[in-house]
C-alpha cells in the first residue's frame, strides 16, 4: 500500500480575498500572483464556500502547524505582521510552541521541536 503525500490544503471561507491577503502578508510575503500560495511543500488554496460560517466554530479540530528551525525569527515575523496570539509562546517538553489565529478564527502554530 502506498502512503499518500499531502500536496495542498483547501481553506474554505466566506471572504476569500481578505483571507488570502492575510495569508500572503503573514506567511508568504514573497508570494506573487493569484492562485495557490506555496507554503514550503504544501500549497494553500483559499476558496469561497457557502457551507461555512464567517468564523470557524470548532477551530481546534484541525491546526495548521509550521515547523521552524529558527523560532525567534519566525515569532518576530509573525509579531511584525500583527498576528493575534491565541496561546502565548511557550517552551514544552517536546519543543517551543506558539498558537495564533487567522481572521476566520482558524488555529495555526509555529513549532520548533527539540
PDB file of N, CA and C in Angstrom:
ATOM      1  N   UNK A   1       0.837  -1.170   0.000  1.00  0.00           N
ATOM      2  CA  UNK A   1       0.000   0.000   0.000  1.00  0.00           C
ATOM      3  C   UNK A   1       0.889   1.243   0.000  1.00  0.00           C
ATOM      4  N   UNK A   2       0.495   2.248  -0.745  1.00  0.00           N
ATOM      5  CA  UNK A   2       1.269   3.476  -0.872  1.00  0.00           C
ATOM      6  C   UNK A   2       0.831   4.499   0.162  1.00  0.00           C
ATOM      7  N   UNK A   3       1.787   5.171   0.783  1.00  0.00           N
ATOM      8  CA  UNK A   3       1.487   6.268   1.691  1.00  0.00           C
ATOM      9  C   UNK A   3       1.218   7.515   0.858  1.00  0.00           C
ATOM     10  N   UNK A   4       0.079   8.129   1.087  1.00  0.00           N
ATOM     11  CA  UNK A   4      -0.286   9.331   0.347  1.00  0.00           C
ATOM     12  C   UNK A   4       0.468  10.542   0.902  1.00  0.00           C
ATOM     13  N   UNK A   5       0.886  11.428   0.029  1.00  0.00           N
ATOM     14  CA  UNK A   5       1.623  12.629   0.416  1.00  0.00           C
ATOM     15  C   UNK A   5       0.740  13.846   0.207  1.00  0.00           C
ATOM     16  N   UNK A   6       0.516  14.648   1.248  1.00  0.00           N
ATOM     17  CA  UNK A   6      -0.313  15.836   1.065  1.00  0.00           C
ATOM     18  C   UNK A   6       0.362  16.829   0.120  1.00  0.00           C
ATOM     19  N   UNK A   7      -0.439  17.416  -0.762  1.00  0.00           N
ATOM     20  CA  UNK A   7       0.086  18.387  -1.718  1.00  0.00           C
ATOM     21  C   UNK A   7      -0.521  19.755  -1.557  1.00  0.00           C
ATOM     22  N   UNK A   8      -1.790  19.787  -1.071  1.00  0.00           N
ATOM     23  CA  UNK A   8      -2.434  21.077  -0.869  1.00  0.00           C
ATOM     24  C   UNK A   8      -3.497  20.946   0.206  1.00  0.00           C
ATOM     25  N   UNK A   9      -3.890  22.088   0.716  1.00  0.00           N
ATOM     26  CA  UNK A   9      -4.990  22.148   1.660  1.00  0.00           C
ATOM     27  C   UNK A   9      -5.943  23.222   1.163  1.00  0.00           C
ATOM     28  N   UNK A  10      -7.231  22.919   1.168  1.00  0.00           N
ATOM     29  CA  UNK A  10      -8.259  23.863   0.752  1.00  0.00           C
ATOM     30  C   UNK A  10      -8.825  24.512   2.002  1.00  0.00           C
ATOM     31  N   UNK A  11      -8.777  25.826   2.047  1.00  0.00           N
ATOM     32  CA  UNK A  11      -9.317  26.574   3.166  1.00  0.00           C
ATOM     33  C   UNK A  11     -10.555  27.307   2.680  1.00  0.00           C
ATOM     34  N   UNK A  12     -11.726  26.841   3.128  1.00  0.00           N
ATOM     35  CA  UNK A  12     -12.983  27.452   2.735  1.00  0.00           C
ATOM     36  C   UNK A  12     -13.295  28.653   3.603  1.00  0.00           C
ATOM     37  N   UNK A  13     -13.862  29.699   2.989  1.00  0.00           N
ATOM     38  CA  UNK A  13     -14.145  30.935   3.706  1.00  0.00           C
ATOM     39  C   UNK A  13     -15.274  31.683   3.021  1.00  0.00           C
ATOM     40  N   UNK A  14     -15.872  32.607   3.746  1.00  0.00           N
ATOM     41  CA  UNK A  14     -16.887  33.471   3.156  1.00  0.00           C
ATOM     42  C   UNK A  14     -16.263  34.734   2.573  1.00  0.00           C
ATOM     43  N   UNK A  15     -14.995  34.951   2.844  1.00  0.00           N
ATOM     44  CA  UNK A  15     -14.293  36.155   2.368  1.00  0.00           C
ATOM     45  C   UNK A  15     -12.893  35.805   1.852  1.00  0.00           C
ATOM     46  N   UNK A  16     -12.829  35.187   0.688  1.00  0.00           N
ATOM     47  CA  UNK A  16     -11.553  34.681   0.187  1.00  0.00           C
ATOM     48  C   UNK A  16     -10.496  35.758  -0.075  1.00  0.00           C
ATOM     49  N   UNK A  17     -10.858  36.906  -0.581  1.00  0.00           N
ATOM     50  CA  UNK A  17      -9.854  37.936  -0.882  1.00  0.00           C
ATOM     51  C   UNK A  17      -9.167  38.411   0.394  1.00  0.00           C
ATOM     52  N   UNK A  18      -9.949  38.669   1.438  1.00  0.00           N
ATOM     53  CA  UNK A  18      -9.374  39.134   2.706  1.00  0.00           C
ATOM     54  C   UNK A  18      -8.479  38.067   3.330  1.00  0.00           C
ATOM     55  N   UNK A  19      -8.955  36.846   3.338  1.00  0.00           N
ATOM     56  CA  UNK A  19      -8.173  35.770   3.957  1.00  0.00           C
ATOM     57  C   UNK A  19      -6.900  35.498   3.169  1.00  0.00           C
ATOM     58  N   UNK A  20      -7.010  35.512   1.853  1.00  0.00           N
ATOM     59  CA  UNK A  20      -5.836  35.287   1.003  1.00  0.00           C
ATOM     60  C   UNK A  20      -4.782  36.371   1.236  1.00  0.00           C
ATOM     61  N   UNK A  21      -5.230  37.627   1.323  1.00  0.00           N
ATOM     62  CA  UNK A  21      -4.298  38.730   1.590  1.00  0.00           C
ATOM     63  C   UNK A  21      -3.607  38.547   2.934  1.00  0.00           C
ATOM     64  N   UNK A  22      -4.368  38.097   3.939  1.00  0.00           N
ATOM     65  CA  UNK A  22      -3.784  37.873   5.258  1.00  0.00           C
ATOM     66  C   UNK A  22      -2.707  36.797   5.193  1.00  0.00           C
ATOM     67  N   UNK A  23      -3.009  35.657   4.562  1.00  0.00           N
ATOM     68  CA  UNK A  23      -2.035  34.567   4.482  1.00  0.00           C
ATOM     69  C   UNK A  23      -0.791  34.988   3.708  1.00  0.00           C
ATOM     70  N   UNK A  24      -0.980  35.711   2.650  1.00  0.00           N
ATOM     71  CA  UNK A  24       0.181  36.193   1.879  1.00  0.00           C
ATOM     72  C   UNK A  24       1.032  37.124   2.728  1.00  0.00           C
ATOM     73  N   UNK A  25       0.403  38.095   3.398  1.00  0.00           N
ATOM     74  CA  UNK A  25       1.138  39.072   4.204  1.00  0.00           C
ATOM     75  C   UNK A  25       1.863  38.419   5.373  1.00  0.00           C
ATOM     76  N   UNK A  26       1.187  37.507   6.057  1.00  0.00           N
ATOM     77  CA  UNK A  26       1.725  36.925   7.281  1.00  0.00           C
ATOM     78  C   UNK A  26       2.690  35.767   7.024  1.00  0.00           C
ATOM     79  N   UNK A  27       2.353  34.867   6.092  1.00  0.00           N
ATOM     80  CA  UNK A  27       3.133  33.639   5.932  1.00  0.00           C
ATOM     81  C   UNK A  27       3.988  33.576   4.682  1.00  0.00           C
ATOM     82  N   UNK A  28       3.639  34.330   3.650  1.00  0.00           N
ATOM     83  CA  UNK A  28       4.372  34.215   2.382  1.00  0.00           C
ATOM     84  C   UNK A  28       4.489  35.580   1.710  1.00  0.00           C
ATOM     85  N   UNK A  29       5.171  36.528   2.355  1.00  0.00           N
ATOM     86  CA  UNK A  29       5.234  37.888   1.787  1.00  0.00           C
ATOM     87  C   UNK A  29       5.902  37.950   0.415  1.00  0.00           C
ATOM     88  N   UNK A  30       6.686  36.947   0.062  1.00  0.00           N
ATOM     89  CA  UNK A  30       7.348  36.950  -1.245  1.00  0.00           C
ATOM     90  C   UNK A  30       6.463  36.382  -2.350  1.00  0.00           C
ATOM     91  N   UNK A  31       5.315  35.801  -1.967  1.00  0.00           N
ATOM     92  CA  UNK A  31       4.412  35.194  -2.948  1.00  0.00           C
ATOM     93  C   UNK A  31       3.768  36.271  -3.814  1.00  0.00           C
ATOM     94  N   UNK A  32       3.749  36.035  -5.108  1.00  0.00           N
ATOM     95  CA  UNK A  32       3.139  36.971  -6.046  1.00  0.00           C
ATOM     96  C   UNK A  32       2.095  36.251  -6.878  1.00  0.00           C
ATOM     97  N   UNK A  33       1.167  37.009  -7.408  1.00  0.00           N
ATOM     98  CA  UNK A  33       0.177  36.452  -8.311  1.00  0.00           C
ATOM     99  C   UNK A  33      -1.002  35.850  -7.594  1.00  0.00           C
ATOM    100  N   UNK A  34      -1.924  35.394  -8.398  1.00  0.00           N
ATOM    101  CA  UNK A  34      -3.133  34.753  -7.879  1.00  0.00           C
ATOM    102  C   UNK A  34      -2.890  33.251  -7.810  1.00  0.00           C
ATOM    103  N   UNK A  35      -3.901  32.522  -7.407  1.00  0.00           N
ATOM    104  CA  UNK A  35      -3.762  31.073  -7.333  1.00  0.00           C
ATOM    105  C   UNK A  35      -3.255  30.623  -5.983  1.00  0.00           C
ATOM    106  N   UNK A  36      -2.927  29.355  -5.853  1.00  0.00           N
ATOM    107  CA  UNK A  36      -2.477  28.792  -4.578  1.00  0.00           C
ATOM    108  C   UNK A  36      -1.231  29.494  -4.047  1.00  0.00           C
ATOM    109  N   UNK A  37      -1.142  29.567  -2.730  1.00  0.00           N
ATOM    110  CA  UNK A  37       0.015  30.139  -2.061  1.00  0.00           C
ATOM    111  C   UNK A  37       0.937  28.988  -1.686  1.00  0.00           C
ATOM    112  N   UNK A  38       2.160  29.038  -2.124  1.00  0.00           N
ATOM    113  CA  UNK A  38       3.133  27.985  -1.844  1.00  0.00           C
ATOM    114  C   UNK A  38       3.689  28.184  -0.435  1.00  0.00           C
ATOM    115  N   UNK A  39       3.478  27.196   0.417  1.00  0.00           N
ATOM    116  CA  UNK A  39       3.979  27.226   1.794  1.00  0.00           C
ATOM    117  C   UNK A  39       4.918  26.042   1.965  1.00  0.00           C
ATOM    118  N   UNK A  40       6.154  26.225   1.567  1.00  0.00           N
ATOM    119  CA  UNK A  40       7.085  25.108   1.583  1.00  0.00           C
ATOM    120  C   UNK A  40       6.635  24.097   0.557  1.00  0.00           C
ATOM    121  N   UNK A  41       6.428  22.871   0.941  1.00  0.00           N
ATOM    122  CA  UNK A  41       5.995  21.838   0.017  1.00  0.00           C
ATOM    123  C   UNK A  41       4.484  21.672  -0.053  1.00  0.00           C
ATOM    124  N   UNK A  42       3.752  22.548   0.613  1.00  0.00           N
ATOM    125  CA  UNK A  42       2.293  22.450   0.645  1.00  0.00           C
ATOM    126  C   UNK A  42       1.682  23.683  -0.013  1.00  0.00           C
ATOM    127  N   UNK A  43       0.702  23.463  -0.882  1.00  0.00           N
ATOM    128  CA  UNK A  43       0.006  24.592  -1.499  1.00  0.00           C
ATOM    129  C   UNK A  43      -1.255  24.883  -0.694  1.00  0.00           C
ATOM    130  N   UNK A  44      -1.479  26.162  -0.421  1.00  0.00           N
ATOM    131  CA  UNK A  44      -2.686  26.601   0.268  1.00  0.00           C
ATOM    132  C   UNK A  44      -3.634  27.202  -0.754  1.00  0.00           C
ATOM    133  N   UNK A  45      -4.804  26.592  -0.881  1.00  0.00           N
ATOM    134  CA  UNK A  45      -5.838  27.054  -1.801  1.00  0.00           C
ATOM    135  C   UNK A  45      -6.948  27.666  -0.952  1.00  0.00           C
ATOM    136  N   UNK A  46      -7.269  28.926  -1.208  1.00  0.00           N
ATOM    137  CA  UNK A  46      -8.326  29.607  -0.463  1.00  0.00           C
ATOM    138  C   UNK A  46      -9.479  29.850  -1.420  1.00  0.00           C
ATOM    139  N   UNK A  47     -10.676  29.398  -1.020  1.00  0.00           N
ATOM    140  CA  UNK A  47     -11.807  29.458  -1.926  1.00  0.00           C
ATOM    141  C   UNK A  47     -13.073  29.858  -1.177  1.00  0.00           C
ATOM    142  N   UNK A  48     -13.944  30.575  -1.871  1.00  0.00           N
ATOM    143  CA  UNK A  48     -15.238  30.943  -1.294  1.00  0.00           C
ATOM    144  C   UNK A  48     -16.094  29.685  -1.153  1.00  0.00           C
ATOM    145  N   UNK A  49     -16.722  29.579   0.025  1.00  0.00           N
ATOM    146  CA  UNK A  49     -17.621  28.457   0.284  1.00  0.00           C
ATOM    147  C   UNK A  49     -18.906  29.008   0.896  1.00  0.00           C
ATOM    148  N   UNK A  50     -20.025  28.446   0.479  1.00  0.00           N
ATOM    149  CA  UNK A  50     -21.309  28.847   1.030  1.00  0.00           C
ATOM    150  C   UNK A  50     -21.744  27.954   2.187  1.00  0.00           C
ATOM    151  N   UNK A  51     -20.980  26.895   2.452  1.00  0.00           N
ATOM    152  CA  UNK A  51     -21.352  25.955   3.501  1.00  0.00           C
ATOM    153  C   UNK A  51     -20.532  26.124   4.781  1.00  0.00           C
ATOM    154  N   UNK A  52     -19.883  27.288   4.935  1.00  0.00           N
ATOM    155  CA  UNK A  52     -19.123  27.570   6.154  1.00  0.00           C
ATOM    156  C   UNK A  52     -19.601  28.889   6.750  1.00  0.00           C
ATOM    157  N   UNK A  53     -19.416  29.036   8.069  1.00  0.00           N
ATOM    158  CA  UNK A  53     -19.744  30.286   8.745  1.00  0.00           C
ATOM    159  C   UNK A  53     -18.616  31.292   8.563  1.00  0.00           C
ATOM    160  N   UNK A  54     -18.904  32.532   8.910  1.00  0.00           N
ATOM    161  CA  UNK A  54     -17.899  33.592   8.832  1.00  0.00           C
ATOM    162  C   UNK A  54     -16.716  33.255   9.745  1.00  0.00           C
ATOM    163  N   UNK A  55     -16.995  32.741  10.936  1.00  0.00           N
ATOM    164  CA  UNK A  55     -15.954  32.322  11.876  1.00  0.00           C
ATOM    165  C   UNK A  55     -16.001  30.818  12.062  1.00  0.00           C
ATOM    166  N   UNK A  56     -14.841  30.202  12.210  1.00  0.00           N
ATOM    167  CA  UNK A  56     -14.747  28.762  12.448  1.00  0.00           C
ATOM    168  C   UNK A  56     -15.248  28.477  13.864  1.00  0.00           C
ATOM    169  N   UNK A  57     -16.310  27.709  13.980  1.00  0.00           N
ATOM    170  CA  UNK A  57     -16.902  27.398  15.286  1.00  0.00           C
ATOM    171  C   UNK A  57     -16.168  26.302  16.044  1.00  0.00           C
ATOM    172  N   UNK A  58     -15.310  25.547  15.383  1.00  0.00           N
ATOM    173  CA  UNK A  58     -14.551  24.477  16.031  1.00  0.00           C
ATOM    174  C   UNK A  58     -13.106  24.502  15.535  1.00  0.00           C
ATOM    175  N   UNK A  59     -12.375  25.586  15.800  1.00  0.00           N
ATOM    176  CA  UNK A  59     -11.044  25.732  15.218  1.00  0.00           C
ATOM    177  C   UNK A  59     -10.005  24.738  15.732  1.00  0.00           C
ATOM    178  N   UNK A  60     -10.281  24.080  16.833  1.00  0.00           N
ATOM    179  CA  UNK A  60      -9.327  23.107  17.351  1.00  0.00           C
ATOM    180  C   UNK A  60      -9.346  21.772  16.635  1.00  0.00           C
ATOM    181  N   UNK A  61     -10.296  21.565  15.726  1.00  0.00           N
ATOM    182  CA  UNK A  61     -10.386  20.281  15.017  1.00  0.00           C
ATOM    183  C   UNK A  61      -9.174  20.013  14.141  1.00  0.00           C
ATOM    184  N   UNK A  62      -8.682  21.044  13.503  1.00  0.00           N
ATOM    185  CA  UNK A  62      -7.507  20.870  12.649  1.00  0.00           C
ATOM    186  C   UNK A  62      -6.648  22.125  12.769  1.00  0.00           C
ATOM    187  N   UNK A  63      -5.403  21.940  13.109  1.00  0.00           N
ATOM    188  CA  UNK A  63      -4.482  23.056  13.297  1.00  0.00           C
ATOM    189  C   UNK A  63      -3.366  22.922  12.272  1.00  0.00           C
ATOM    190  N   UNK A  64      -3.116  24.002  11.557  1.00  0.00           N
ATOM    191  CA  UNK A  64      -2.042  24.017  10.571  1.00  0.00           C
ATOM    192  C   UNK A  64      -0.747  24.351  11.297  1.00  0.00           C
ATOM    193  N   UNK A  65       0.191  23.395  11.317  1.00  0.00           N
ATOM    194  CA  UNK A  65       1.461  23.553  12.030  1.00  0.00           C
ATOM    195  C   UNK A  65       2.585  23.882  11.070  1.00  0.00           C
ATOM    196  N   UNK A  66       3.423  24.810  11.473  1.00  0.00           N
ATOM    197  CA  UNK A  66       4.616  25.179  10.720  1.00  0.00           C
ATOM    198  C   UNK A  66       5.823  24.837  11.575  1.00  0.00           C
ATOM    199  N   UNK A  67       6.624  23.886  11.110  1.00  0.00           N
ATOM    200  CA  UNK A  67       7.836  23.500  11.819  1.00  0.00           C
ATOM    201  C   UNK A  67       8.943  24.448  11.378  1.00  0.00           C
ATOM    202  N   UNK A  68       9.596  25.076  12.342  1.00  0.00           N
ATOM    203  CA  UNK A  68      10.611  26.076  12.029  1.00  0.00           C
ATOM    204  C   UNK A  68      11.947  25.684  12.653  1.00  0.00           C
ATOM    205  N   UNK A  69      13.016  26.140  12.013  1.00  0.00           N
ATOM    206  CA  UNK A  69      14.368  25.908  12.539  1.00  0.00           C
ATOM    207  C   UNK A  69      14.817  27.055  13.429  1.00  0.00           C
ATOM    208  N   UNK A  70      14.278  28.256  13.197  1.00  0.00           N
ATOM    209  CA  UNK A  70      14.630  29.445  13.975  1.00  0.00           C
ATOM    210  C   UNK A  70      13.345  30.048  14.529  1.00  0.00           C
ATOM    211  N   UNK A  71      12.978  29.597  15.705  1.00  0.00           N
ATOM    212  CA  UNK A  71      11.713  30.014  16.305  1.00  0.00           C
ATOM    213  C   UNK A  71      11.668  31.514  16.514  1.00  0.00           C
ATOM    214  N   UNK A  72      12.762  32.084  17.017  1.00  0.00           N
ATOM    215  CA  UNK A  72      12.781  33.522  17.300  1.00  0.00           C
ATOM    216  C   UNK A  72      12.523  34.349  16.046  1.00  0.00           C
ATOM    217  N   UNK A  73      13.108  33.954  14.929  1.00  0.00           N
ATOM    218  CA  UNK A  73      12.903  34.680  13.672  1.00  0.00           C
ATOM    219  C   UNK A  73      11.455  34.541  13.199  1.00  0.00           C
ATOM    220  N   UNK A  74      10.896  33.346  13.298  1.00  0.00           N
ATOM    221  CA  UNK A  74       9.506  33.132  12.892  1.00  0.00           C
ATOM    222  C   UNK A  74       8.550  33.915  13.785  1.00  0.00           C
ATOM    223  N   UNK A  75       8.817  33.890  15.076  1.00  0.00           N
ATOM    224  CA  UNK A  75       7.973  34.637  16.007  1.00  0.00           C
ATOM    225  C   UNK A  75       8.044  36.138  15.711  1.00  0.00           C
ATOM    226  N   UNK A  76       9.238  36.648  15.448  1.00  0.00           N
ATOM    227  CA  UNK A  76       9.396  38.076  15.135  1.00  0.00           C
ATOM    228  C   UNK A  76       8.637  38.449  13.861  1.00  0.00           C
ATOM    229  N   UNK A  77       8.703  37.599  12.846  1.00  0.00           N
ATOM    230  CA  UNK A  77       7.978  37.849  11.596  1.00  0.00           C
ATOM    231  C   UNK A  77       6.473  37.909  11.855  1.00  0.00           C
ATOM    232  N   UNK A  78       5.970  36.972  12.646  1.00  0.00           N
ATOM    233  CA  UNK A  78       4.540  36.933  12.937  1.00  0.00           C
ATOM    234  C   UNK A  78       4.105  38.119  13.789  1.00  0.00           C
ATOM    235  N   UNK A  79       4.916  38.480  14.770  1.00  0.00           N
ATOM    236  CA  UNK A  79       4.591  39.649  15.601  1.00  0.00           C
ATOM    237  C   UNK A  79       4.580  40.921  14.754  1.00  0.00           C
ATOM    238  N   UNK A  80       5.547  41.059  13.864  1.00  0.00           N
ATOM    239  CA  UNK A  80       5.606  42.232  12.988  1.00  0.00           C
ATOM    240  C   UNK A  80       4.387  42.301  12.072  1.00  0.00           C
ATOM    241  N   UNK A  81       3.855  41.139  11.705  1.00  0.00           N
ATOM    242  CA  UNK A  81       2.669  41.088  10.850  1.00  0.00           C
ATOM    243  C   UNK A  81       1.382  41.324  11.650  1.00  0.00           C
ATOM    244  N   UNK A  82       1.501  41.360  12.983  1.00  0.00           N
ATOM    245  CA  UNK A  82       0.357  41.667  13.831  1.00  0.00           C
ATOM    246  C   UNK A  82      -0.587  40.516  14.092  1.00  0.00           C
ATOM    247  N   UNK A  83      -0.068  39.280  14.117  1.00  0.00           N
ATOM    248  CA  UNK A  83      -0.962  38.149  14.375  1.00  0.00           C
ATOM    249  C   UNK A  83      -1.546  38.234  15.784  1.00  0.00           C
ATOM    250  N   UNK A  84      -2.714  37.606  15.928  1.00  0.00           N
ATOM    251  CA  UNK A  84      -3.356  37.511  17.237  1.00  0.00           C
ATOM    252  C   UNK A  84      -2.959  36.177  17.860  1.00  0.00           C
ATOM    253  N   UNK A  85      -2.210  36.232  18.947  1.00  0.00           N
ATOM    254  CA  UNK A  85      -1.745  35.014  19.617  1.00  0.00           C
ATOM    255  C   UNK A  85      -2.870  34.461  20.473  1.00  0.00           C
ATOM    256  N   UNK A  86      -3.222  33.223  20.218  1.00  0.00           N
ATOM    257  CA  UNK A  86      -4.237  32.531  20.995  1.00  0.00           C
ATOM    258  C   UNK A  86      -3.605  31.964  22.260  1.00  0.00           C
ATOM    259  N   UNK A  87      -2.458  31.329  22.086  1.00  0.00           N
ATOM    260  CA  UNK A  87      -1.692  30.769  23.197  1.00  0.00           C
ATOM    261  C   UNK A  87      -0.301  31.387  23.120  1.00  0.00           C
ATOM    262  N   UNK A  88       0.128  32.067  24.166  1.00  0.00           N
ATOM    263  CA  UNK A  88       1.450  32.679  24.122  1.00  0.00           C
ATOM    264  C   UNK A  88       2.544  31.649  23.865  1.00  0.00           C
ATOM    265  N   UNK A  89       3.608  32.120  23.292  1.00  0.00           N
ATOM    266  CA  UNK A  89       4.766  31.264  23.032  1.00  0.00           C
ATOM    267  C   UNK A  89       5.198  30.614  24.340  1.00  0.00           C
ATOM    268  N   UNK A  90       5.440  29.301  24.273  1.00  0.00           N
ATOM    269  CA  UNK A  90       5.802  28.561  25.481  1.00  0.00           C
ATOM    270  C   UNK A  90       6.751  27.427  25.139  1.00  0.00           C
ATOM    271  N   UNK A  91       7.645  27.169  26.085  1.00  0.00           N
ATOM    272  CA  UNK A  91       8.515  26.002  25.986  1.00  0.00           C
ATOM    273  C   UNK A  91       7.786  24.821  26.610  1.00  0.00           C
ATOM    274  N   UNK A  92       7.775  23.716  25.881  1.00  0.00           N
ATOM    275  CA  UNK A  92       7.164  22.478  26.352  1.00  0.00           C
ATOM    276  C   UNK A  92       8.234  21.400  26.317  1.00  0.00           C
ATOM    277  N   UNK A  93       7.962  20.253  26.903  1.00  0.00           N
ATOM    278  CA  UNK A  93       8.971  19.186  26.905  1.00  0.00           C
ATOM    279  C   UNK A  93       9.451  18.801  25.495  1.00  0.00           C
ATOM    280  N   UNK A  94       8.575  18.889  24.499  1.00  0.00           N
ATOM    281  CA  UNK A  94       8.970  18.471  23.148  1.00  0.00           C
ATOM    282  C   UNK A  94       9.480  19.612  22.270  1.00  0.00           C
ATOM    283  N   UNK A  95       9.442  20.847  22.781  1.00  0.00           N
ATOM    284  CA  UNK A  95       9.932  21.968  21.983  1.00  0.00           C
ATOM    285  C   UNK A  95       9.249  23.268  22.345  1.00  0.00           C
ATOM    286  N   UNK A  96       9.333  24.221  21.419  1.00  0.00           N
ATOM    287  CA  UNK A  96       8.763  25.552  21.623  1.00  0.00           C
ATOM    288  C   UNK A  96       7.562  25.722  20.693  1.00  0.00           C
ATOM    289  N   UNK A  97       6.457  26.235  21.237  1.00  0.00           N
ATOM    290  CA  UNK A  97       5.199  26.338  20.503  1.00  0.00           C
ATOM    291  C   UNK A  97       4.612  27.735  20.643  1.00  0.00           C
ATOM    292  N   UNK A  98       3.913  28.173  19.618  1.00  0.00           N
ATOM    293  CA  UNK A  98       3.130  29.398  19.670  1.00  0.00           C
ATOM    294  C   UNK A  98       1.914  29.216  18.782  1.00  0.00           C
ATOM    295  N   UNK A  99       0.726  29.534  19.297  1.00  0.00           N
ATOM    296  CA  UNK A  99      -0.512  29.336  18.556  1.00  0.00           C
ATOM    297  C   UNK A  99      -1.163  30.685  18.284  1.00  0.00           C
ATOM    298  N   UNK A 100      -1.558  30.901  17.025  1.00  0.00           N
ATOM    299  CA  UNK A 100      -2.193  32.152  16.632  1.00  0.00           C
ATOM    300  C   UNK A 100      -3.389  31.847  15.748  1.00  0.00           C
ATOM    301  N   UNK A 101      -4.163  32.873  15.418  1.00  0.00           N
ATOM    302  CA  UNK A 101      -5.375  32.679  14.634  1.00  0.00           C
ATOM    303  C   UNK A 101      -5.350  33.526  13.366  1.00  0.00           C
ATOM    304  N   UNK A 102      -6.080  33.051  12.361  1.00  0.00           N
ATOM    305  CA  UNK A 102      -6.274  33.851  11.154  1.00  0.00           C
ATOM    306  C   UNK A 102      -7.589  34.633  11.310  1.00  0.00           C
ATOM    307  N   UNK A 103      -7.943  35.497  10.379  1.00  0.00           N
ATOM    308  CA  UNK A 103      -9.164  36.291  10.515  1.00  0.00           C
ATOM    309  C   UNK A 103     -10.467  35.490  10.601  1.00  0.00           C
ATOM    310  N   UNK A 104     -10.471  34.248  10.133  1.00  0.00           N
ATOM    311  CA  UNK A 104     -11.656  33.401  10.248  1.00  0.00           C
ATOM    312  C   UNK A 104     -11.681  32.612  11.555  1.00  0.00           C
ATOM    313  N   UNK A 105     -10.648  32.761  12.374  1.00  0.00           N
ATOM    314  CA  UNK A 105     -10.586  32.055  13.646  1.00  0.00           C
ATOM    315  C   UNK A 105      -9.916  30.704  13.591  1.00  0.00           C
ATOM    316  N   UNK A 106      -9.347  30.326  12.440  1.00  0.00           N
ATOM    317  CA  UNK A 106      -8.619  29.056  12.336  1.00  0.00           C
ATOM    318  C   UNK A 106      -7.331  29.141  13.140  1.00  0.00           C
ATOM    319  N   UNK A 107      -6.932  28.026  13.739  1.00  0.00           N
ATOM    320  CA  UNK A 107      -5.713  27.968  14.537  1.00  0.00           C
ATOM    321  C   UNK A 107      -4.520  27.584  13.664  1.00  0.00           C
ATOM    322  N   UNK A 108      -3.394  28.242  13.929  1.00  0.00           N
ATOM    323  CA  UNK A 108      -2.126  27.919  13.297  1.00  0.00           C
ATOM    324  C   UNK A 108      -1.071  27.903  14.399  1.00  0.00           C
ATOM    325  N   UNK A 109      -0.023  27.116  14.203  1.00  0.00           N
ATOM    326  CA  UNK A 109       1.051  27.047  15.201  1.00  0.00           C
ATOM    327  C   UNK A 109       2.407  27.090  14.540  1.00  0.00           C
ATOM    328  N   UNK A 110       3.342  27.698  15.246  1.00  0.00           N
ATOM    329  CA  UNK A 110       4.750  27.529  14.893  1.00  0.00           C
ATOM    330  C   UNK A 110       5.347  26.636  15.968  1.00  0.00           C
ATOM    331  N   UNK A 111       6.189  25.730  15.515  1.00  0.00           N
ATOM    332  CA  UNK A 111       6.779  24.744  16.424  1.00  0.00           C
ATOM    333  C   UNK A 111       8.243  24.567  16.070  1.00  0.00           C
ATOM    334  N   UNK A 112       9.081  24.579  17.090  1.00  0.00           N
ATOM    335  CA  UNK A 112      10.475  24.174  16.923  1.00  0.00           C
ATOM    336  C   UNK A 112      10.682  23.026  17.903  1.00  0.00           C
ATOM    337  N   UNK A 113      10.731  21.808  17.344  1.00  0.00           N
ATOM    338  CA  UNK A 113      10.922  20.629  18.187  1.00  0.00           C
ATOM    339  C   UNK A 113      12.357  20.564  18.683  1.00  0.00           C
ATOM    340  N   UNK A 114      12.509  20.006  19.901  1.00  0.00           N
ATOM    341  CA  UNK A 114      13.852  19.854  20.471  1.00  0.00           C
ATOM    342  C   UNK A 114      14.426  18.516  20.067  1.00  0.00           C
TER     343      UNK A 114
END
